Amino acid sequence: MADITSAEVLDHARKVEKSGRRETTRKLCGAISSIFRLAVATLRAGPGLSAPSPVNLMLSALRRWLKNPPS
């Protein structure tokens, strides 16, 4: 888990989104978010419970971007 960067996750999510599968991208982001929350909760990854995970911050930004994509 520690080897996965938010940039890698974002890159893969954008590839899926560019292929026209927006709903799949939303589901993918939700699944990734759940996985990282579990990893942080079980102390397998993350900066700790008190600080937000960079991946969760990136996923939040991606969700906002999907709701209001640039024209």
PDB file of N, CA and C in Angstrom:
ATOM      1  N   MET A   1       0.820  -1.191   0.000  1.00  0.00           N
ATOM      2  CA  MET A   1       0.000   0.000   0.000  1.00  0.00           C
ATOM      3  C   MET A   1       0.866   1.259   0.000  1.00  0.00           C
ATOM      4  N   ALA A   2       1.971   1.211   0.689  1.00  0.00           N
ATOM      5  CA  ALA A   2       2.813   2.404   0.794  1.00  0.00           C
ATOM      6  C   ALA A   2       3.463   2.765  -0.540  1.00  0.00           C
ATOM      7  N   ASP A   3       3.560   1.804  -1.455  1.00  0.00           N
ATOM      8  CA  ASP A   3       4.201   2.058  -2.740  1.00  0.00           C
ATOM      9  C   ASP A   3       3.268   2.707  -3.758  1.00  0.00           C
ATOM     10  N   ILE A   4       1.972   2.743  -3.475  1.00  0.00           N
ATOM     11  CA  ILE A   4       1.003   3.317  -4.407  1.00  0.00           C
ATOM     12  C   ILE A   4       0.917   4.818  -4.166  1.00  0.00           C
ATOM     13  N   THR A   5       1.084   5.594  -5.231  1.00  0.00           N
ATOM     14  CA  THR A   5       1.007   7.047  -5.088  1.00  0.00           C
ATOM     15  C   THR A   5      -0.330   7.559  -5.617  1.00  0.00           C
ATOM     16  N   SER A   6      -0.717   8.717  -5.135  1.00  0.00           N
ATOM     17  CA  SER A   6      -1.971   9.309  -5.604  1.00  0.00           C
ATOM     18  C   SER A   6      -1.894   9.634  -7.090  1.00  0.00           C
ATOM     19  N   ALA A   7      -0.712   9.980  -7.583  1.00  0.00           N
ATOM     20  CA  ALA A   7      -0.548  10.272  -9.009  1.00  0.00           C
ATOM     21  C   ALA A   7      -0.834   9.035  -9.855  1.00  0.00           C
ATOM     22  N   GLU A   8      -0.406   7.871  -9.399  1.00  0.00           N
ATOM     23  CA  GLU A   8      -0.675   6.633 -10.126  1.00  0.00           C
ATOM     24  C   GLU A   8      -2.167   6.329 -10.154  1.00  0.00           C
ATOM     25  N   VAL A   9      -2.819   6.489  -9.024  1.00  0.00           N
ATOM     26  CA  VAL A   9      -4.256   6.235  -8.949  1.00  0.00           C
ATOM     27  C   VAL A   9      -4.997   7.204  -9.871  1.00  0.00           C
ATOM     28  N   LEU A  10      -4.641   8.460  -9.813  1.00  0.00           N
ATOM     29  CA  LEU A  10      -5.285   9.467 -10.653  1.00  0.00           C
ATOM     30  C   LEU A  10      -5.067   9.163 -12.131  1.00  0.00           C
ATOM     31  N   ASP A  11      -3.868   8.759 -12.499  1.00  0.00           N
ATOM     32  CA  ASP A  11      -3.557   8.437 -13.890  1.00  0.00           C
ATOM     33  C   ASP A  11      -4.455   7.312 -14.399  1.00  0.00           C
ATOM     34  N   HIS A  12      -4.598   6.260 -13.625  1.00  0.00           N
ATOM     35  CA  HIS A  12      -5.432   5.131 -14.041  1.00  0.00           C
ATOM     36  C   HIS A  12      -6.913   5.517 -14.078  1.00  0.00           C
ATOM     37  N   ALA A  13      -7.360   6.285 -13.110  1.00  0.00           N
ATOM     38  CA  ALA A  13      -8.758   6.714 -13.093  1.00  0.00           C
ATOM     39  C   ALA A  13      -9.068   7.600 -14.299  1.00  0.00           C
ATOM     40  N   ARG A  14      -8.156   8.463 -14.658  1.00  0.00           N
ATOM     41  CA  ARG A  14      -8.378   9.330 -15.827  1.00  0.00           C
ATOM     42  C   ARG A  14      -8.393   8.532 -17.124  1.00  0.00           C
ATOM     43  N   LYS A  15      -7.580   7.474 -17.215  1.00  0.00           N
ATOM     44  CA  LYS A  15      -7.601   6.625 -18.403  1.00  0.00           C
ATOM     45  C   LYS A  15      -8.973   5.978 -18.570  1.00  0.00           C
ATOM     46  N   VAL A  16      -9.522   5.487 -17.473  1.00  0.00           N
ATOM     47  CA  VAL A  16     -10.850   4.869 -17.522  1.00  0.00           C
ATOM     48  C   VAL A  16     -11.884   5.917 -17.911  1.00  0.00           C
ATOM     49  N   GLU A  17     -11.788   7.102 -17.324  1.00  0.00           N
ATOM     50  CA  GLU A  17     -12.752   8.168 -17.603  1.00  0.00           C
ATOM     51  C   GLU A  17     -12.667   8.621 -19.058  1.00  0.00           C
ATOM     52  N   LYS A  18     -11.453   8.729 -19.603  1.00  0.00           N
ATOM     53  CA  LYS A  18     -11.279   9.154 -20.996  1.00  0.00           C
ATOM     54  C   LYS A  18     -11.861   8.152 -21.983  1.00  0.00           C
ATOM     55  N   SER A  19     -11.949   6.891 -21.574  1.00  0.00           N
ATOM     56  CA  SER A  19     -12.519   5.879 -22.475  1.00  0.00           C
ATOM     57  C   SER A  19     -14.046   5.958 -22.508  1.00  0.00           C
ATOM     58  N   GLY A  20     -14.604   6.925 -21.772  1.00  0.00           N
ATOM     59  CA  GLY A  20     -16.047   7.133 -21.811  1.00  0.00           C
ATOM     60  C   GLY A  20     -16.822   6.400 -20.732  1.00  0.00           C
ATOM     61  N   ARG A  21     -16.143   5.767 -19.823  1.00  0.00           N
ATOM     62  CA  ARG A  21     -16.814   4.981 -18.778  1.00  0.00           C
ATOM     63  C   ARG A  21     -16.843   5.769 -17.476  1.00  0.00           C
ATOM     64  N   ARG A  22     -17.681   6.798 -17.446  1.00  0.00           N
ATOM     65  CA  ARG A  22     -17.739   7.683 -16.277  1.00  0.00           C
ATOM     66  C   ARG A  22     -18.289   6.971 -15.046  1.00  0.00           C
ATOM     67  N   GLU A  23     -19.323   6.148 -15.220  1.00  0.00           N
ATOM     68  CA  GLU A  23     -19.892   5.435 -14.075  1.00  0.00           C
ATOM     69  C   GLU A  23     -18.877   4.445 -13.514  1.00  0.00           C
ATOM     70  N   THR A  24     -18.152   3.779 -14.390  1.00  0.00           N
ATOM     71  CA  THR A  24     -17.102   2.864 -13.949  1.00  0.00           C
ATOM     72  C   THR A  24     -16.027   3.627 -13.175  1.00  0.00           C
ATOM     73  N   THR A  25     -15.704   4.824 -13.627  1.00  0.00           N
ATOM     74  CA  THR A  25     -14.715   5.646 -12.931  1.00  0.00           C
ATOM     75  C   THR A  25     -15.202   6.000 -11.537  1.00  0.00           C
ATOM     76  N   ARG A  26     -16.471   6.354 -11.413  1.00  0.00           N
ATOM     77  CA  ARG A  26     -17.021   6.676 -10.090  1.00  0.00           C
ATOM     78  C   ARG A  26     -16.947   5.472  -9.159  1.00  0.00           C
ATOM     79  N   LYS A  27     -17.315   4.296  -9.686  1.00  0.00           N
ATOM     80  CA  LYS A  27     -17.261   3.071  -8.877  1.00  0.00           C
ATOM     81  C   LYS A  27     -15.821   2.732  -8.503  1.00  0.00           C
ATOM     82  N   LEU A  28     -14.908   2.909  -9.448  1.00  0.00           N
ATOM     83  CA  LEU A  28     -13.494   2.655  -9.189  1.00  0.00           C
ATOM     84  C   LEU A  28     -12.975   3.549  -8.071  1.00  0.00           C
ATOM     85  N   CYS A  29     -13.313   4.834  -8.137  1.00  0.00           N
ATOM     86  CA  CYS A  29     -12.872   5.778  -7.099  1.00  0.00           C
ATOM     87  C   CYS A  29     -13.442   5.408  -5.745  1.00  0.00           C
ATOM     88  N   GLY A  30     -14.698   4.989  -5.721  1.00  0.00           N
ATOM     89  CA  GLY A  30     -15.310   4.571  -4.469  1.00  0.00           C
ATOM     90  C   GLY A  30     -14.623   3.348  -3.880  1.00  0.00           C
ATOM     91  N   ALA A  31     -14.312   2.379  -4.743  1.00  0.00           N
ATOM     92  CA  ALA A  31     -13.636   1.170  -4.280  1.00  0.00           C
ATOM     93  C   ALA A  31     -12.233   1.478  -3.772  1.00  0.00           C
ATOM     94  N   ILE A  32     -11.497   2.299  -4.510  1.00  0.00           N
ATOM     95  CA  ILE A  32     -10.147   2.667  -4.084  1.00  0.00           C
ATOM     96  C   ILE A  32     -10.188   3.409  -2.752  1.00  0.00           C
ATOM     97  N   SER A  33     -11.138   4.301  -2.619  1.00  0.00           N
ATOM     98  CA  SER A  33     -11.278   5.053  -1.380  1.00  0.00           C
ATOM     99  C   SER A  33     -11.543   4.115  -0.201  1.00  0.00           C
ATOM    100  N   SER A  34     -12.426   3.155  -0.400  1.00  0.00           N
ATOM    101  CA  SER A  34     -12.736   2.187   0.662  1.00  0.00           C
ATOM    102  C   SER A  34     -11.513   1.357   1.040  1.00  0.00           C
ATOM    103  N   ILE A  35     -10.766   0.938   0.041  1.00  0.00           N
ATOM    104  CA  ILE A  35      -9.562   0.137   0.284  1.00  0.00           C
ATOM    105  C   ILE A  35      -8.547   0.928   1.103  1.00  0.00           C
ATOM    106  N   PHE A  36      -8.324   2.188   0.729  1.00  0.00           N
ATOM    107  CA  PHE A  36      -7.346   2.985   1.454  1.00  0.00           C
ATOM    108  C   PHE A  36      -7.830   3.339   2.860  1.00  0.00           C
ATOM    109  N   ARG A  37      -9.131   3.574   3.028  1.00  0.00           N
ATOM    110  CA  ARG A  37      -9.649   3.830   4.380  1.00  0.00           C
ATOM    111  C   ARG A  37      -9.445   2.610   5.273  1.00  0.00           C
ATOM    112  N   LEU A  38      -9.696   1.414   4.725  1.00  0.00           N
ATOM    113  CA  LEU A  38      -9.474   0.189   5.487  1.00  0.00           C
ATOM    114  C   LEU A  38      -7.991   0.027   5.822  1.00  0.00           C
ATOM    115  N   ALA A  39      -7.129   0.304   4.854  1.00  0.00           N
ATOM    116  CA  ALA A  39      -5.688   0.180   5.097  1.00  0.00           C
ATOM    117  C   ALA A  39      -5.227   1.135   6.192  1.00  0.00           C
ATOM    118  N   VAL A  40      -5.740   2.354   6.185  1.00  0.00           N
ATOM    119  CA  VAL A  40      -5.372   3.323   7.218  1.00  0.00           C
ATOM    120  C   VAL A  40      -5.937   2.881   8.568  1.00  0.00           C
ATOM    121  N   ALA A  41      -7.173   2.419   8.565  1.00  0.00           N
ATOM    122  CA  ALA A  41      -7.816   2.003   9.819  1.00  0.00           C
ATOM    123  C   ALA A  41      -7.116   0.802  10.439  1.00  0.00           C
ATOM    124  N   THR A  42      -6.558  -0.065   9.620  1.00  0.00           N
ATOM    125  CA  THR A  42      -5.869  -1.252  10.134  1.00  0.00           C
ATOM    126  C   THR A  42      -4.356  -1.048  10.230  1.00  0.00           C
ATOM    127  N   LEU A  43      -3.945   0.215  10.094  1.00  0.00           N
ATOM    128  CA  LEU A  43      -2.533   0.613  10.221  1.00  0.00           C
ATOM    129  C   LEU A  43      -1.624  -0.061   9.203  1.00  0.00           C
ATOM    130  N   ARG A  44      -2.156  -0.350   8.040  1.00  0.00           N
ATOM    131  CA  ARG A  44      -1.354  -0.938   6.969  1.00  0.00           C
ATOM    132  C   ARG A  44      -0.834   0.120   6.005  1.00  0.00           C
ATOM    133  N   ALA A  45      -1.367   1.332   6.114  1.00  0.00           N
ATOM    134  CA  ALA A  45      -0.950   2.403   5.208  1.00  0.00           C
ATOM    135  C   ALA A  45      -1.348   3.737   5.805  1.00  0.00           C
ATOM    136  N   GLY A  46      -0.865   4.774   5.166  1.00  0.00           N
ATOM    137  CA  GLY A  46      -1.310   6.114   5.488  1.00  0.00           C
ATOM    138  C   GLY A  46      -0.475   6.810   6.536  1.00  0.00           C
ATOM    139  N   PRO A  47      -0.695   8.111   6.636  1.00  0.00           N
ATOM    140  CA  PRO A  47       0.055   8.921   7.578  1.00  0.00           C
ATOM    141  C   PRO A  47      -0.455   8.797   9.004  1.00  0.00           C
ATOM    142  N   GLY A  48      -1.560   8.152   9.186  1.00  0.00           N
ATOM    143  CA  GLY A  48      -2.154   8.036  10.506  1.00  0.00           C
ATOM    144  C   GLY A  48      -3.610   8.447  10.458  1.00  0.00           C
ATOM    145  N   LEU A  49      -4.294   8.197  11.519  1.00  0.00           N
ATOM    146  CA  LEU A  49      -5.725   8.469  11.532  1.00  0.00           C
ATOM    147  C   LEU A  49      -6.041   9.948  11.672  1.00  0.00           C
ATOM    148  N   SER A  50      -5.114  10.737  12.153  1.00  0.00           N
ATOM    149  CA  SER A  50      -5.412  12.148  12.395  1.00  0.00           C
ATOM    150  C   SER A  50      -5.238  13.012  11.151  1.00  0.00           C
ATOM    151  N   ALA A  51      -4.427  12.572  10.194  1.00  0.00           N
ATOM    152  CA  ALA A  51      -4.174  13.370   8.993  1.00  0.00           C
ATOM    153  C   ALA A  51      -4.869  12.741   7.794  1.00  0.00           C
ATOM    154  N   PRO A  52      -5.396  13.548   6.881  1.00  0.00           N
ATOM    155  CA  PRO A  52      -6.030  12.979   5.692  1.00  0.00           C
ATOM    156  C   PRO A  52      -5.002  12.335   4.776  1.00  0.00           C
ATOM    157  N   SER A  53      -5.371  11.231   4.188  1.00  0.00           N
ATOM    158  CA  SER A  53      -4.487  10.528   3.267  1.00  0.00           C
ATOM    159  C   SER A  53      -4.373  11.309   1.961  1.00  0.00           C
ATOM    160  N   PRO A  54      -3.185  11.387   1.379  1.00  0.00           N
ATOM    161  CA  PRO A  54      -3.046  12.059   0.082  1.00  0.00           C
ATOM    162  C   PRO A  54      -3.923  11.421  -0.989  1.00  0.00           C
ATOM    163  N   VAL A  55      -4.095  10.112  -0.927  1.00  0.00           N
ATOM    164  CA  VAL A  55      -4.938   9.432  -1.912  1.00  0.00           C
ATOM    165  C   VAL A  55      -6.389   9.848  -1.727  1.00  0.00           C
ATOM    166  N   ASN A  56      -6.859   9.960  -0.474  1.00  0.00           N
ATOM    167  CA  ASN A  56      -8.227  10.396  -0.242  1.00  0.00           C
ATOM    168  C   ASN A  56      -8.433  11.829  -0.705  1.00  0.00           C
ATOM    169  N   LEU A  57      -7.446  12.674  -0.516  1.00  0.00           N
ATOM    170  CA  LEU A  57      -7.541  14.047  -1.015  1.00  0.00           C
ATOM    171  C   LEU A  57      -7.621  14.066  -2.537  1.00  0.00           C
ATOM    172  N   MET A  58      -6.820  13.215  -3.179  1.00  0.00           N
ATOM    173  CA  MET A  58      -6.836  13.133  -4.627  1.00  0.00           C
ATOM    174  C   MET A  58      -8.168  12.592  -5.122  1.00  0.00           C
ATOM    175  N   LEU A  59      -8.716  11.578  -4.452  1.00  0.00           N
ATOM    176  CA  LEU A  59     -10.000  11.020  -4.859  1.00  0.00           C
ATOM    177  C   LEU A  59     -11.117  12.040  -4.712  1.00  0.00           C
ATOM    178  N   SER A  60     -11.057  12.856  -3.677  1.00  0.00           N
ATOM    179  CA  SER A  60     -12.051  13.918  -3.506  1.00  0.00           C
ATOM    180  C   SER A  60     -11.972  14.914  -4.661  1.00  0.00           C
ATOM    181  N   ALA A  61     -10.758  15.265  -5.038  1.00  0.00           N
ATOM    182  CA  ALA A  61     -10.579  16.188  -6.158  1.00  0.00           C
ATOM    183  C   ALA A  61     -11.082  15.562  -7.456  1.00  0.00           C
ATOM    184  N   LEU A  62     -10.826  14.265  -7.649  1.00  0.00           N
ATOM    185  CA  LEU A  62     -11.288  13.578  -8.851  1.00  0.00           C
ATOM    186  C   LEU A  62     -12.813  13.523  -8.892  1.00  0.00           C
ATOM    187  N   ARG A  63     -13.444  13.270  -7.761  1.00  0.00           N
ATOM    188  CA  ARG A  63     -14.911  13.246  -7.719  1.00  0.00           C
ATOM    189  C   ARG A  63     -15.488  14.610  -8.083  1.00  0.00           C
ATOM    190  N   ARG A  64     -14.887  15.679  -7.549  1.00  0.00           N
ATOM    191  CA  ARG A  64     -15.354  17.026  -7.901  1.00  0.00           C
ATOM    192  C   ARG A  64     -15.164  17.282  -9.394  1.00  0.00           C
ATOM    193  N   TRP A  65     -14.043  16.832  -9.945  1.00  0.00           N
ATOM    194  CA  TRP A  65     -13.756  17.013 -11.360  1.00  0.00           C
ATOM    195  C   TRP A  65     -14.763  16.245 -12.217  1.00  0.00           C
ATOM    196  N   LEU A  66     -15.152  15.029 -11.798  1.00  0.00           N
ATOM    197  CA  LEU A  66     -16.106  14.244 -12.556  1.00  0.00           C
ATOM    198  C   LEU A  66     -17.500  14.883 -12.533  1.00  0.00           C
ATOM    199  N   LYS A  67     -17.853  15.512 -11.425  1.00  0.00           N
ATOM    200  CA  LYS A  67     -19.157  16.165 -11.338  1.00  0.00           C
ATOM    201  C   LYS A  67     -19.217  17.398 -12.213  1.00  0.00           C
ATOM    202  N   ASN A  68     -18.117  18.108 -12.341  1.00  0.00           N
ATOM    203  CA  ASN A  68     -18.046  19.330 -13.151  1.00  0.00           C
ATOM    204  C   ASN A  68     -16.822  19.278 -14.047  1.00  0.00           C
ATOM    205  N   PRO A  69     -16.855  18.418 -15.093  1.00  0.00           N
ATOM    206  CA  PRO A  69     -15.670  18.295 -15.965  1.00  0.00           C
ATOM    207  C   PRO A  69     -15.418  19.590 -16.738  1.00  0.00           C
ATOM    208  N   PRO A  70     -14.155  19.864 -17.050  1.00  0.00           N
ATOM    209  CA  PRO A  70     -13.845  21.055 -17.847  1.00  0.00           C
ATOM    210  C   PRO A  70     -14.422  20.910 -19.252  1.00  0.00           C
ATOM    211  N   SER A  71     -14.797  22.001 -19.829  1.00  0.00           N
ATOM    212  CA  SER A  71     -15.402  21.970 -21.173  1.00  0.00           C
ATOM    213  C   SER A  71     -14.363  21.848 -22.255  1.00  0.00           C
TER     214      SER A  71
END
